[in-house]
Amino acid sequence: MRKQYCLLLCLLLAFVSCGQAQSQQGDKRVGVEINKLKTDKMKLNKLNTEEERVIINKGTETPFTGELLDNKEKGTYVCKHCNAPLYSSGCKFDSGCGWPSFDDALPAAVTRTPDADGRRTEITCANCGGHLGHVFLGEGHTEKNTRHCVNSVSMMFLPERLDTAYLASGCFWGTEHFMMKALGVVKTSVGFMGGHVNNPTYEEVCTKTTGHVEVCEVVFDANLTTYDKLVKLYFETHDFTQIDGQGPDIGPQYRSVIFYTSEEQKEIAENNKQILSDMGNKVATEILKASIFWKAEDYHQQYYKHKGSSPYCHTYKKIFP
């Protein structure tokens, strides 16, 4: 009887153990399917055999063979698998290593993960997880002392697509302070627009007799940002309900104005203004056709950056979803 009891107990334990093993294996399969489902839902480009070997299976292309190694055009490098922007051409340099090298990535574009052996750090696309290469520190190639060593086959290059926005929100020092920091902005300048005097000086505009408005010229790369995003940032960094002024700066030259250069820009500006009105705001911002932009004196350019200070009448406040 005792032997039969022991035999029955052993069979029961074996059954339970087997069931747990199957359950754990099933959980792993479910996890794989969930991860696969997440990847499948992302819009991904079809890869050829070599691209899959590098991007998916973490291979390395032969040095000095990549088509982007010697590319010196201005533009943006994007992930070949998911089209997410990764690097700006302004951060590319020749390290002599045989692969494209960058001393910085675009914000939140690249993920760093130590290799299993702890000797190197892998870099992957933060959006899709595709393998890019490795990052190395302390080599002294550039001031940033960083080298992103990237396989050409992991990227595509998009030539720069420049467009320009003209935005007025009071003192142009504060407008430029926020615009120049926005992702995709290539260059900013401050000056005057909308008046009847050619090439006015700052002193002349301050007399309130020239008809000009202080404005920021924003040159941006349409591969990295959109006019709509910049217009939203514009509204979120000043009081668009104030008439003929901004904070303590009072006068027609400090009006809130969007100067459009195309019908598309006009429509985008009007749509955002309507969104704010629908929220219950009395929007004072004017939407006018752009005219000649007269650049202001040098000491006005990137004023707060050179002074190391912050705007006195511009602050950021999240408004749009």
C-alpha atoms as a PDB file:
ATOM      1  CA  MET A   1       0.000   0.000   0.000  1.00  0.00           C
ATOM      2  CA  ARG A   2       2.791   2.361   0.956  1.00  0.00           C
ATOM      3  CA  LYS A   3       4.593   1.620  -2.324  1.00  0.00           C
ATOM      4  CA  GLN A   4       1.398   2.315  -4.283  1.00  0.00           C
ATOM      5  CA  TYR A   5       0.961   5.650  -2.427  1.00  0.00           C
ATOM      6  CA  CYS A   6       4.556   6.722  -3.197  1.00  0.00           C
ATOM      7  CA  LEU A   7       4.143   5.738  -6.843  1.00  0.00           C
ATOM      8  CA  LEU A   8       0.908   7.745  -7.073  1.00  0.00           C
ATOM      9  CA  LEU A   9       2.568  10.781  -5.453  1.00  0.00           C
ATOM     10  CA  CYS A  10       5.497  10.659  -7.871  1.00  0.00           C
ATOM     11  CA  LEU A  11       3.148  10.462 -10.837  1.00  0.00           C
ATOM     12  CA  LEU A  12       1.166  13.439  -9.506  1.00  0.00           C
ATOM     13  CA  LEU A  13       4.302  15.571  -9.010  1.00  0.00           C
ATOM     14  CA  ALA A  14       5.548  14.690 -12.452  1.00  0.00           C
ATOM     15  CA  PHE A  15       2.196  15.728 -13.948  1.00  0.00           C
ATOM     16  CA  VAL A  16       2.174  19.061 -12.112  1.00  0.00           C
ATOM     17  CA  SER A  17       5.795  19.743 -13.040  1.00  0.00           C
ATOM     18  CA  CYS A  18       5.099  18.973 -16.667  1.00  0.00           C
ATOM     19  CA  GLY A  19       2.082  21.271 -16.626  1.00  0.00           C
ATOM     20  CA  GLN A  20       4.121  24.133 -15.183  1.00  0.00           C
ATOM     21  CA  ALA A  21       6.822  23.656 -17.808  1.00  0.00           C
ATOM     22  CA  GLN A  22       4.240  23.737 -20.590  1.00  0.00           C
ATOM     23  CA  SER A  23       2.655  26.833 -19.064  1.00  0.00           C
ATOM     24  CA  GLN A  24       6.013  28.640 -18.862  1.00  0.00           C
ATOM     25  CA  GLN A  25       6.835  27.652 -22.413  1.00  0.00           C
ATOM     26  CA  GLY A  26       3.425  28.886 -23.481  1.00  0.00           C
ATOM     27  CA  ASP A  27       4.050  32.222 -21.734  1.00  0.00           C
ATOM     28  CA  LYS A  28       7.308  32.616 -23.649  1.00  0.00           C
ATOM     29  CA  ARG A  29       5.551  31.913 -26.915  1.00  0.00           C
ATOM     30  CA  VAL A  30       2.874  34.482 -26.059  1.00  0.00           C
ATOM     31  CA  GLY A  31       5.596  37.029 -25.255  1.00  0.00           C
ATOM     32  CA  VAL A  32       7.257  36.408 -28.603  1.00  0.00           C
ATOM     33  CA  GLU A  33       3.947  36.798 -30.401  1.00  0.00           C
ATOM     34  CA  ILE A  34       3.173  40.048 -28.544  1.00  0.00           C
ATOM     35  CA  ASN A  35       6.587  41.502 -29.442  1.00  0.00           C
ATOM     36  CA  LYS A  36       6.153  40.368 -33.031  1.00  0.00           C
ATOM     37  CA  LEU A  37       2.688  41.939 -33.116  1.00  0.00           C
ATOM     38  CA  LYS A  38       4.106  45.234 -31.815  1.00  0.00           C
ATOM     39  CA  THR A  39       6.779  45.208 -34.544  1.00  0.00           C
ATOM     40  CA  ASP A  40       4.292  44.224 -37.214  1.00  0.00           C
ATOM     41  CA  LYS A  41       2.043  47.181 -36.339  1.00  0.00           C
ATOM     42  CA  MET A  42       4.926  49.613 -36.935  1.00  0.00           C
ATOM     43  CA  LYS A  43       5.307  50.760 -40.536  1.00  0.00           C
ATOM     44  CA  LEU A  44       8.548  49.118 -41.619  1.00  0.00           C
ATOM     45  CA  ASN A  45      10.369  49.086 -44.936  1.00  0.00           C
ATOM     46  CA  LYS A  46      11.163  45.780 -46.620  1.00  0.00           C
ATOM     47  CA  LEU A  47      14.841  44.857 -46.263  1.00  0.00           C
ATOM     48  CA  ASN A  48      17.084  42.982 -48.659  1.00  0.00           C
ATOM     49  CA  THR A  49      19.346  40.151 -47.497  1.00  0.00           C
ATOM     50  CA  GLU A  50      22.332  42.352 -46.599  1.00  0.00           C
ATOM     51  CA  GLU A  51      20.181  44.950 -44.841  1.00  0.00           C
ATOM     52  CA  GLU A  52      18.480  42.244 -42.800  1.00  0.00           C
ATOM     53  CA  ARG A  53      21.854  40.718 -41.874  1.00  0.00           C
ATOM     54  CA  VAL A  54      23.011  44.043 -40.405  1.00  0.00           C
ATOM     55  CA  ILE A  55      19.827  45.692 -39.108  1.00  0.00           C
ATOM     56  CA  ILE A  56      17.987  42.646 -37.763  1.00  0.00           C
ATOM     57  CA  ASN A  57      20.804  40.206 -37.042  1.00  0.00           C
ATOM     58  CA  LYS A  58      23.309  42.847 -35.842  1.00  0.00           C
ATOM     59  CA  GLY A  59      25.920  42.213 -38.505  1.00  0.00           C
ATOM     60  CA  THR A  60      28.604  44.618 -39.738  1.00  0.00           C
ATOM     61  CA  GLU A  61      29.192  45.767 -43.295  1.00  0.00           C
ATOM     62  CA  THR A  62      32.704  45.662 -44.760  1.00  0.00           C
ATOM     63  CA  PRO A  63      34.603  48.893 -43.915  1.00  0.00           C
ATOM     64  CA  PHE A  64      35.141  51.514 -46.636  1.00  0.00           C
ATOM     65  CA  THR A  65      32.344  50.044 -48.772  1.00  0.00           C
ATOM     66  CA  GLY A  66      29.255  51.911 -47.521  1.00  0.00           C
ATOM     67  CA  GLU A  67      27.618  54.307 -49.976  1.00  0.00           C
ATOM     68  CA  LEU A  68      27.132  56.988 -47.303  1.00  0.00           C
ATOM     69  CA  LEU A  69      30.726  56.961 -46.026  1.00  0.00           C
ATOM     70  CA  ASP A  70      31.906  59.878 -48.174  1.00  0.00           C
ATOM     71  CA  ASN A  71      28.580  61.702 -48.450  1.00  0.00           C
ATOM     72  CA  LYS A  72      29.059  65.416 -47.656  1.00  0.00           C
ATOM     73  CA  GLU A  73      25.645  66.774 -48.628  1.00  0.00           C
ATOM     74  CA  LYS A  74      23.535  68.682 -46.110  1.00  0.00           C
ATOM     75  CA  GLY A  75      20.541  66.751 -44.875  1.00  0.00           C
ATOM     76  CA  THR A  76      19.297  64.087 -42.490  1.00  0.00           C
ATOM     77  CA  TYR A  77      20.202  60.420 -42.018  1.00  0.00           C
ATOM     78  CA  VAL A  78      17.170  58.269 -41.217  1.00  0.00           C
ATOM     79  CA  CYS A  79      16.652  54.645 -40.207  1.00  0.00           C
ATOM     80  CA  LYS A  80      16.363  52.412 -43.277  1.00  0.00           C
ATOM     81  CA  HIS A  81      13.889  50.129 -41.516  1.00  0.00           C
ATOM     82  CA  CYS A  82      11.370  52.676 -40.145  1.00  0.00           C
ATOM     83  CA  ASN A  83      12.365  56.116 -41.593  1.00  0.00           C
ATOM     84  CA  ALA A  84      12.915  57.665 -38.136  1.00  0.00           C
ATOM     85  CA  PRO A  85      15.396  60.593 -38.220  1.00  0.00           C
ATOM     86  CA  LEU A  86      18.713  59.626 -36.585  1.00  0.00           C
ATOM     87  CA  TYR A  87      21.524  62.046 -37.413  1.00  0.00           C
ATOM     88  CA  SER A  88      22.033  65.495 -38.882  1.00  0.00           C
ATOM     89  CA  SER A  89      24.728  66.001 -41.504  1.00  0.00           C
ATOM     90  CA  GLY A  90      26.155  68.734 -39.280  1.00  0.00           C
ATOM     91  CA  CYS A  91      27.327  66.054 -36.814  1.00  0.00           C
ATOM     92  CA  LYS A  92      29.050  63.870 -39.428  1.00  0.00           C
ATOM     93  CA  PHE A  93      32.856  63.788 -39.562  1.00  0.00           C
ATOM     94  CA  ASP A  94      35.650  61.730 -41.112  1.00  0.00           C
ATOM     95  CA  SER A  95      37.174  59.492 -38.444  1.00  0.00           C
ATOM     96  CA  GLY A  96      39.072  57.294 -40.896  1.00  0.00           C
ATOM     97  CA  CYS A  97      37.478  54.141 -39.438  1.00  0.00           C
ATOM     98  CA  GLY A  98      35.738  53.032 -42.634  1.00  0.00           C
ATOM     99  CA  TRP A  99      32.157  53.646 -41.514  1.00  0.00           C
ATOM    100  CA  PRO A 100      30.094  56.873 -41.332  1.00  0.00           C
ATOM    101  CA  SER A 101      30.871  58.676 -38.064  1.00  0.00           C
ATOM    102  CA  PHE A 102      28.786  61.173 -36.103  1.00  0.00           C
ATOM    103  CA  ASP A 103      29.629  62.943 -32.847  1.00  0.00           C
ATOM    104  CA  ASP A 104      25.981  63.244 -31.805  1.00  0.00           C
ATOM    105  CA  ALA A 105      22.522  61.904 -32.624  1.00  0.00           C
ATOM    106  CA  LEU A 106      19.232  63.742 -32.850  1.00  0.00           C
ATOM    107  CA  PRO A 107      17.413  64.012 -29.478  1.00  0.00           C
ATOM    108  CA  ALA A 108      16.037  60.651 -28.272  1.00  0.00           C
ATOM    109  CA  ALA A 109      16.763  59.071 -31.668  1.00  0.00           C
ATOM    110  CA  VAL A 110      19.326  56.444 -30.645  1.00  0.00           C
ATOM    111  CA  THR A 111      19.416  53.893 -27.816  1.00  0.00           C
ATOM    112  CA  ARG A 112      22.686  52.739 -26.234  1.00  0.00           C
ATOM    113  CA  THR A 113      23.037  49.184 -24.891  1.00  0.00           C
ATOM    114  CA  PRO A 114      26.247  47.600 -23.541  1.00  0.00           C
ATOM    115  CA  ASP A 115      27.286  44.448 -25.415  1.00  0.00           C
ATOM    116  CA  ALA A 116      27.085  41.171 -23.488  1.00  0.00           C
ATOM    117  CA  ASP A 117      30.877  41.055 -23.132  1.00  0.00           C
ATOM    118  CA  GLY A 118      30.923  44.593 -21.720  1.00  0.00           C
ATOM    119  CA  ARG A 119      33.594  45.724 -24.168  1.00  0.00           C
ATOM    120  CA  ARG A 120      31.509  47.880 -26.498  1.00  0.00           C
ATOM    121  CA  THR A 121      28.206  49.775 -26.527  1.00  0.00           C
ATOM    122  CA  GLU A 122      25.700  49.018 -29.260  1.00  0.00           C
ATOM    123  CA  ILE A 123      23.544  51.759 -30.777  1.00  0.00           C
ATOM    124  CA  THR A 124      20.082  51.014 -32.142  1.00  0.00           C
ATOM    125  CA  CYS A 125      17.204  53.010 -33.591  1.00  0.00           C
ATOM    126  CA  ALA A 126      15.089  54.130 -30.642  1.00  0.00           C
ATOM    127  CA  ASN A 127      11.947  53.786 -32.739  1.00  0.00           C
ATOM    128  CA  CYS A 128      12.213  50.268 -34.210  1.00  0.00           C
ATOM    129  CA  GLY A 129      15.265  48.775 -32.467  1.00  0.00           C
ATOM    130  CA  GLY A 130      17.196  48.259 -35.693  1.00  0.00           C
ATOM    131  CA  HIS A 131      20.972  47.769 -35.286  1.00  0.00           C
ATOM    132  CA  LEU A 132      23.044  50.809 -36.282  1.00  0.00           C
ATOM    133  CA  GLY A 133      26.547  50.113 -35.005  1.00  0.00           C
ATOM    134  CA  HIS A 134      28.502  51.071 -31.878  1.00  0.00           C
ATOM    135  CA  VAL A 135      29.385  54.250 -30.004  1.00  0.00           C
ATOM    136  CA  PHE A 136      32.862  55.076 -28.702  1.00  0.00           C
ATOM    137  CA  LEU A 137      33.900  57.770 -26.204  1.00  0.00           C
ATOM    138  CA  GLY A 138      37.150  59.533 -25.385  1.00  0.00           C
ATOM    139  CA  GLU A 139      38.867  59.294 -28.760  1.00  0.00           C
ATOM    140  CA  GLY A 140      39.266  63.062 -29.165  1.00  0.00           C
ATOM    141  CA  HIS A 141      38.060  63.319 -32.776  1.00  0.00           C
ATOM    142  CA  THR A 142      35.757  66.286 -32.031  1.00  0.00           C
ATOM    143  CA  GLU A 143      34.906  68.558 -29.108  1.00  0.00           C
ATOM    144  CA  LYS A 144      32.044  66.228 -28.154  1.00  0.00           C
ATOM    145  CA  ASN A 145      34.575  63.392 -27.806  1.00  0.00           C
ATOM    146  CA  THR A 146      32.038  60.889 -29.120  1.00  0.00           C
ATOM    147  CA  ARG A 147      31.966  58.689 -32.220  1.00  0.00           C
ATOM    148  CA  HIS A 148      28.818  56.972 -33.408  1.00  0.00           C
ATOM    149  CA  CYS A 149      30.192  54.346 -35.797  1.00  0.00           C
ATOM    150  CA  VAL A 150      27.239  53.512 -38.043  1.00  0.00           C
ATOM    151  CA  ASN A 151      26.736  51.032 -40.858  1.00  0.00           C
ATOM    152  CA  SER A 152      25.771  52.810 -44.091  1.00  0.00           C
ATOM    153  CA  VAL A 153      23.336  50.022 -44.851  1.00  0.00           C
ATOM    154  CA  SER A 154      21.366  50.866 -41.690  1.00  0.00           C
ATOM    155  CA  MET A 155      20.527  54.362 -42.943  1.00  0.00           C
ATOM    156  CA  MET A 156      19.042  56.363 -45.782  1.00  0.00           C
ATOM    157  CA  PHE A 157      19.994  59.966 -46.571  1.00  0.00           C
ATOM    158  CA  LEU A 158      17.425  62.705 -47.151  1.00  0.00           C
ATOM    159  CA  PRO A 159      18.783  65.920 -48.719  1.00  0.00           C
ATOM    160  CA  GLU A 160      17.921  69.093 -46.830  1.00  0.00           C
ATOM    161  CA  ARG A 161      14.455  70.503 -47.641  1.00  0.00           C
ATOM    162  CA  LEU A 162      14.562  74.071 -46.410  1.00  0.00           C
ATOM    163  CA  ASP A 163      11.541  76.261 -45.760  1.00  0.00           C
ATOM    164  CA  THR A 164      11.152  79.543 -43.888  1.00  0.00           C
ATOM    165  CA  ALA A 165       8.708  80.862 -41.315  1.00  0.00           C
ATOM    166  CA  TYR A 166       8.334  84.514 -40.260  1.00  0.00           C
ATOM    167  CA  LEU A 167       6.955  84.867 -36.743  1.00  0.00           C
ATOM    168  CA  ALA A 168       6.409  87.989 -34.643  1.00  0.00           C
ATOM    169  CA  SER A 169       5.542  87.757 -30.940  1.00  0.00           C
ATOM    170  CA  GLY A 170       6.760  90.918 -29.275  1.00  0.00           C
ATOM    171  CA  CYS A 171      10.459  91.496 -28.650  1.00  0.00           C
ATOM    172  CA  PHE A 172      12.285  89.448 -31.291  1.00  0.00           C
ATOM    173  CA  TRP A 173      14.960  88.452 -28.776  1.00  0.00           C
ATOM    174  CA  GLY A 174      12.450  86.233 -26.966  1.00  0.00           C
ATOM    175  CA  THR A 175      10.880  84.830 -30.141  1.00  0.00           C
ATOM    176  CA  GLU A 176      14.283  83.730 -31.424  1.00  0.00           C
ATOM    177  CA  HIS A 177      15.285  82.319 -28.031  1.00  0.00           C
ATOM    178  CA  PHE A 178      12.675  79.554 -28.326  1.00  0.00           C
ATOM    179  CA  MET A 179      12.691  79.070 -32.104  1.00  0.00           C
ATOM    180  CA  MET A 180      16.431  78.534 -32.427  1.00  0.00           C
ATOM    181  CA  LYS A 181      16.233  75.599 -29.981  1.00  0.00           C
ATOM    182  CA  ALA A 182      13.471  73.735 -31.810  1.00  0.00           C
ATOM    183  CA  LEU A 183      14.271  70.434 -33.508  1.00  0.00           C
ATOM    184  CA  GLY A 184      14.738  70.872 -37.252  1.00  0.00           C
ATOM    185  CA  VAL A 185      15.538  74.588 -37.142  1.00  0.00           C
ATOM    186  CA  VAL A 186      18.656  75.234 -39.202  1.00  0.00           C
ATOM    187  CA  LYS A 187      19.096  78.974 -38.731  1.00  0.00           C
ATOM    188  CA  THR A 188      17.344  81.975 -37.193  1.00  0.00           C
ATOM    189  CA  SER A 189      17.690  85.718 -37.698  1.00  0.00           C
ATOM    190  CA  VAL A 190      15.791  88.675 -36.267  1.00  0.00           C
ATOM    191  CA  GLY A 191      14.688  91.762 -38.123  1.00  0.00           C
ATOM    192  CA  PHE A 192      11.708  93.756 -39.316  1.00  0.00           C
ATOM    193  CA  MET A 193       8.787  93.239 -41.702  1.00  0.00           C
ATOM    194  CA  GLY A 194       5.593  94.912 -42.808  1.00  0.00           C
ATOM    195  CA  GLY A 195       6.647  98.572 -42.898  1.00  0.00           C
ATOM    196  CA  HIS A 196       7.057 101.264 -45.553  1.00  0.00           C
ATOM    197  CA  VAL A 197      10.695 102.255 -44.961  1.00  0.00           C
ATOM    198  CA  ASN A 198      13.515 100.378 -46.662  1.00  0.00           C
ATOM    199  CA  ASN A 199      16.220  98.802 -44.475  1.00  0.00           C
ATOM    200  CA  PRO A 200      15.083 100.477 -41.231  1.00  0.00           C
ATOM    201  CA  THR A 201      17.292 100.688 -38.152  1.00  0.00           C
ATOM    202  CA  TYR A 202      16.178  99.508 -34.720  1.00  0.00           C
ATOM    203  CA  GLU A 203      15.990 103.121 -33.555  1.00  0.00           C
ATOM    204  CA  GLU A 204      13.740 104.063 -36.479  1.00  0.00           C
ATOM    205  CA  VAL A 205      11.366 101.159 -35.802  1.00  0.00           C
ATOM    206  CA  CYS A 206      11.184 102.173 -32.143  1.00  0.00           C
ATOM    207  CA  THR A 207       9.736 105.545 -33.179  1.00  0.00           C
ATOM    208  CA  LYS A 208       6.566 103.612 -34.142  1.00  0.00           C
ATOM    209  CA  THR A 209       6.387 105.509 -37.431  1.00  0.00           C
ATOM    210  CA  THR A 210       7.826 102.999 -39.943  1.00  0.00           C
ATOM    211  CA  GLY A 211       5.004 100.451 -39.722  1.00  0.00           C
ATOM    212  CA  HIS A 212       7.388  97.555 -39.116  1.00  0.00           C
ATOM    213  CA  VAL A 213       6.997  94.639 -36.709  1.00  0.00           C
ATOM    214  CA  GLU A 214       9.866  92.911 -34.938  1.00  0.00           C
ATOM    215  CA  VAL A 215      10.016  89.444 -36.486  1.00  0.00           C
ATOM    216  CA  CYS A 216      12.073  86.251 -36.322  1.00  0.00           C
ATOM    217  CA  GLU A 217      13.072  84.526 -39.551  1.00  0.00           C
ATOM    218  CA  VAL A 218      13.116  80.752 -38.940  1.00  0.00           C
ATOM    219  CA  VAL A 219      14.798  78.532 -41.546  1.00  0.00           C
ATOM    220  CA  PHE A 220      13.904  74.880 -40.959  1.00  0.00           C
ATOM    221  CA  ASP A 221      14.464  71.463 -42.498  1.00  0.00           C
ATOM    222  CA  ALA A 222      11.120  69.995 -43.507  1.00  0.00           C
ATOM    223  CA  ASN A 223      12.587  66.497 -43.095  1.00  0.00           C
ATOM    224  CA  LEU A 224      12.806  67.079 -39.347  1.00  0.00           C
ATOM    225  CA  THR A 225       9.911  69.344 -38.452  1.00  0.00           C
ATOM    226  CA  THR A 226       6.844  70.995 -39.935  1.00  0.00           C
ATOM    227  CA  TYR A 227       5.509  74.501 -40.249  1.00  0.00           C
ATOM    228  CA  ASP A 228       2.555  73.407 -38.137  1.00  0.00           C
ATOM    229  CA  LYS A 229       4.836  72.375 -35.238  1.00  0.00           C
ATOM    230  CA  LEU A 230       6.643  75.713 -35.344  1.00  0.00           C
ATOM    231  CA  VAL A 231       3.384  77.666 -35.383  1.00  0.00           C
ATOM    232  CA  LYS A 232       2.192  75.715 -32.347  1.00  0.00           C
ATOM    233  CA  LEU A 233       5.475  76.449 -30.545  1.00  0.00           C
ATOM    234  CA  TYR A 234       5.068  80.114 -31.492  1.00  0.00           C
ATOM    235  CA  PHE A 235       1.647  80.282 -29.836  1.00  0.00           C
ATOM    236  CA  GLU A 236       2.889  78.398 -26.772  1.00  0.00           C
ATOM    237  CA  THR A 237       5.709  80.878 -26.097  1.00  0.00           C
ATOM    238  CA  HIS A 238       3.903  84.223 -25.943  1.00  0.00           C
ATOM    239  CA  ASP A 239       0.633  85.891 -24.921  1.00  0.00           C
ATOM    240  CA  PHE A 240      -1.301  85.793 -28.196  1.00  0.00           C
ATOM    241  CA  THR A 241      -4.250  87.612 -26.579  1.00  0.00           C
ATOM    242  CA  GLN A 242      -2.340  90.848 -25.938  1.00  0.00           C
ATOM    243  CA  ILE A 243      -2.944  93.656 -28.426  1.00  0.00           C
ATOM    244  CA  ASP A 244      -0.124  95.950 -29.663  1.00  0.00           C
ATOM    245  CA  GLY A 245       2.478  94.651 -27.265  1.00  0.00           C
ATOM    246  CA  GLN A 246       3.960  91.799 -25.305  1.00  0.00           C
ATOM    247  CA  GLY A 247       4.401  92.112 -21.579  1.00  0.00           C
ATOM    248  CA  PRO A 248       5.978  95.472 -20.749  1.00  0.00           C
ATOM    249  CA  ASP A 249       6.897  96.127 -24.402  1.00  0.00           C
ATOM    250  CA  ILE A 250       4.061  98.247 -25.774  1.00  0.00           C
ATOM    251  CA  GLY A 251       3.759  99.490 -29.330  1.00  0.00           C
ATOM    252  CA  PRO A 252       2.713  98.387 -32.840  1.00  0.00           C
ATOM    253  CA  GLN A 253       6.189  96.985 -33.505  1.00  0.00           C
ATOM    254  CA  TYR A 254       5.540  94.371 -30.785  1.00  0.00           C
ATOM    255  CA  ARG A 255       2.306  93.014 -32.296  1.00  0.00           C
ATOM    256  CA  SER A 256       1.593  89.290 -32.523  1.00  0.00           C
ATOM    257  CA  VAL A 257       1.769  88.494 -36.255  1.00  0.00           C
ATOM    258  CA  ILE A 258       2.342  85.445 -38.450  1.00  0.00           C
ATOM    259  CA  PHE A 259       3.657  86.415 -41.886  1.00  0.00           C
ATOM    260  CA  TYR A 260       2.917  83.625 -44.384  1.00  0.00           C
ATOM    261  CA  THR A 261       4.829  82.910 -47.605  1.00  0.00           C
ATOM    262  CA  SER A 262       2.332  80.523 -49.213  1.00  0.00           C
ATOM    263  CA  GLU A 263      -1.346  79.634 -49.128  1.00  0.00           C
ATOM    264  CA  GLU A 264      -0.438  76.429 -47.316  1.00  0.00           C
ATOM    265  CA  GLN A 265       1.274  78.392 -44.535  1.00  0.00           C
ATOM    266  CA  LYS A 266      -1.703  80.735 -44.336  1.00  0.00           C
ATOM    267  CA  GLU A 267      -4.110  77.820 -43.935  1.00  0.00           C
ATOM    268  CA  ILE A 268      -1.986  76.207 -41.210  1.00  0.00           C
ATOM    269  CA  ALA A 269      -1.755  79.496 -39.296  1.00  0.00           C
ATOM    270  CA  GLU A 270      -5.513  80.089 -39.565  1.00  0.00           C
ATOM    271  CA  ASN A 271      -6.301  76.529 -38.440  1.00  0.00           C
ATOM    272  CA  ASN A 272      -4.185  76.898 -35.302  1.00  0.00           C
ATOM    273  CA  LYS A 273      -5.679  80.291 -34.554  1.00  0.00           C
ATOM    274  CA  GLN A 274      -9.154  78.748 -34.842  1.00  0.00           C
ATOM    275  CA  ILE A 275      -8.185  75.932 -32.459  1.00  0.00           C
ATOM    276  CA  LEU A 276      -7.194  78.532 -29.868  1.00  0.00           C
ATOM    277  CA  SER A 277     -10.420  80.474 -30.452  1.00  0.00           C
ATOM    278  CA  ASP A 278     -12.442  77.295 -29.987  1.00  0.00           C
ATOM    279  CA  MET A 279     -10.729  76.912 -26.599  1.00  0.00           C
ATOM    280  CA  GLY A 280     -12.274  80.233 -25.579  1.00  0.00           C
ATOM    281  CA  ASN A 281      -9.283  82.499 -26.275  1.00  0.00           C
ATOM    282  CA  LYS A 282      -9.589  85.961 -27.821  1.00  0.00           C
ATOM    283  CA  VAL A 283      -6.658  85.625 -30.216  1.00  0.00           C
ATOM    284  CA  ALA A 284      -5.081  88.936 -31.190  1.00  0.00           C
ATOM    285  CA  THR A 285      -2.577  87.384 -33.607  1.00  0.00           C
ATOM    286  CA  GLU A 286      -2.739  88.801 -37.144  1.00  0.00           C
ATOM    287  CA  ILE A 287      -2.070  86.604 -40.184  1.00  0.00           C
ATOM    288  CA  LEU A 288      -0.521  88.679 -42.977  1.00  0.00           C
ATOM    289  CA  LYS A 289       1.268  88.027 -46.257  1.00  0.00           C
ATOM    290  CA  ALA A 290       5.046  88.228 -45.908  1.00  0.00           C
ATOM    291  CA  SER A 291       6.912  91.136 -47.449  1.00  0.00           C
ATOM    292  CA  ILE A 292      10.619  92.022 -47.446  1.00  0.00           C
ATOM    293  CA  PHE A 293      12.519  90.877 -44.357  1.00  0.00           C
ATOM    294  CA  TRP A 294      15.022  93.487 -43.199  1.00  0.00           C
ATOM    295  CA  LYS A 295      17.672  91.949 -40.945  1.00  0.00           C
ATOM    296  CA  ALA A 296      18.373  93.836 -37.702  1.00  0.00           C
ATOM    297  CA  GLU A 297      21.771  94.928 -36.433  1.00  0.00           C
ATOM    298  CA  ASP A 298      24.269  92.233 -35.428  1.00  0.00           C
ATOM    299  CA  TYR A 299      23.970  92.865 -31.698  1.00  0.00           C
ATOM    300  CA  HIS A 300      20.317  91.791 -31.825  1.00  0.00           C
ATOM    301  CA  GLN A 301      21.086  88.361 -33.326  1.00  0.00           C
ATOM    302  CA  GLN A 302      20.796  85.428 -30.860  1.00  0.00           C
ATOM    303  CA  TYR A 303      20.771  88.034 -28.126  1.00  0.00           C
ATOM    304  CA  TYR A 304      20.008  85.808 -25.115  1.00  0.00           C
ATOM    305  CA  LYS A 305      22.507  83.164 -26.203  1.00  0.00           C
ATOM    306  CA  HIS A 306      25.322  85.702 -26.268  1.00  0.00           C
ATOM    307  CA  LYS A 307      24.201  87.366 -23.037  1.00  0.00           C
ATOM    308  CA  GLY A 308      23.650  84.088 -21.213  1.00  0.00           C
ATOM    309  CA  SER A 309      20.263  85.241 -19.965  1.00  0.00           C
ATOM    310  CA  SER A 310      16.566  84.432 -20.490  1.00  0.00           C
ATOM    311  CA  PRO A 311      13.575  86.312 -21.970  1.00  0.00           C
ATOM    312  CA  TYR A 312      11.681  88.707 -19.711  1.00  0.00           C
ATOM    313  CA  CYS A 313       8.361  88.511 -21.554  1.00  0.00           C
ATOM    314  CA  HIS A 314       8.376  85.089 -23.229  1.00  0.00           C
ATOM    315  CA  THR A 315       7.723  81.815 -21.404  1.00  0.00           C
ATOM    316  CA  TYR A 316       6.705  78.353 -22.559  1.00  0.00           C
ATOM    317  CA  LYS A 317       3.249  77.033 -21.733  1.00  0.00           C
ATOM    318  CA  LYS A 318       1.900  73.767 -23.179  1.00  0.00           C
ATOM    319  CA  ILE A 319      -1.399  74.428 -24.942  1.00  0.00           C
ATOM    320  CA  PHE A 320      -1.853  72.021 -27.834  1.00  0.00           C
ATOM    321  CA  PRO A 321      -2.352  68.252 -27.296  1.00  0.00           C
END
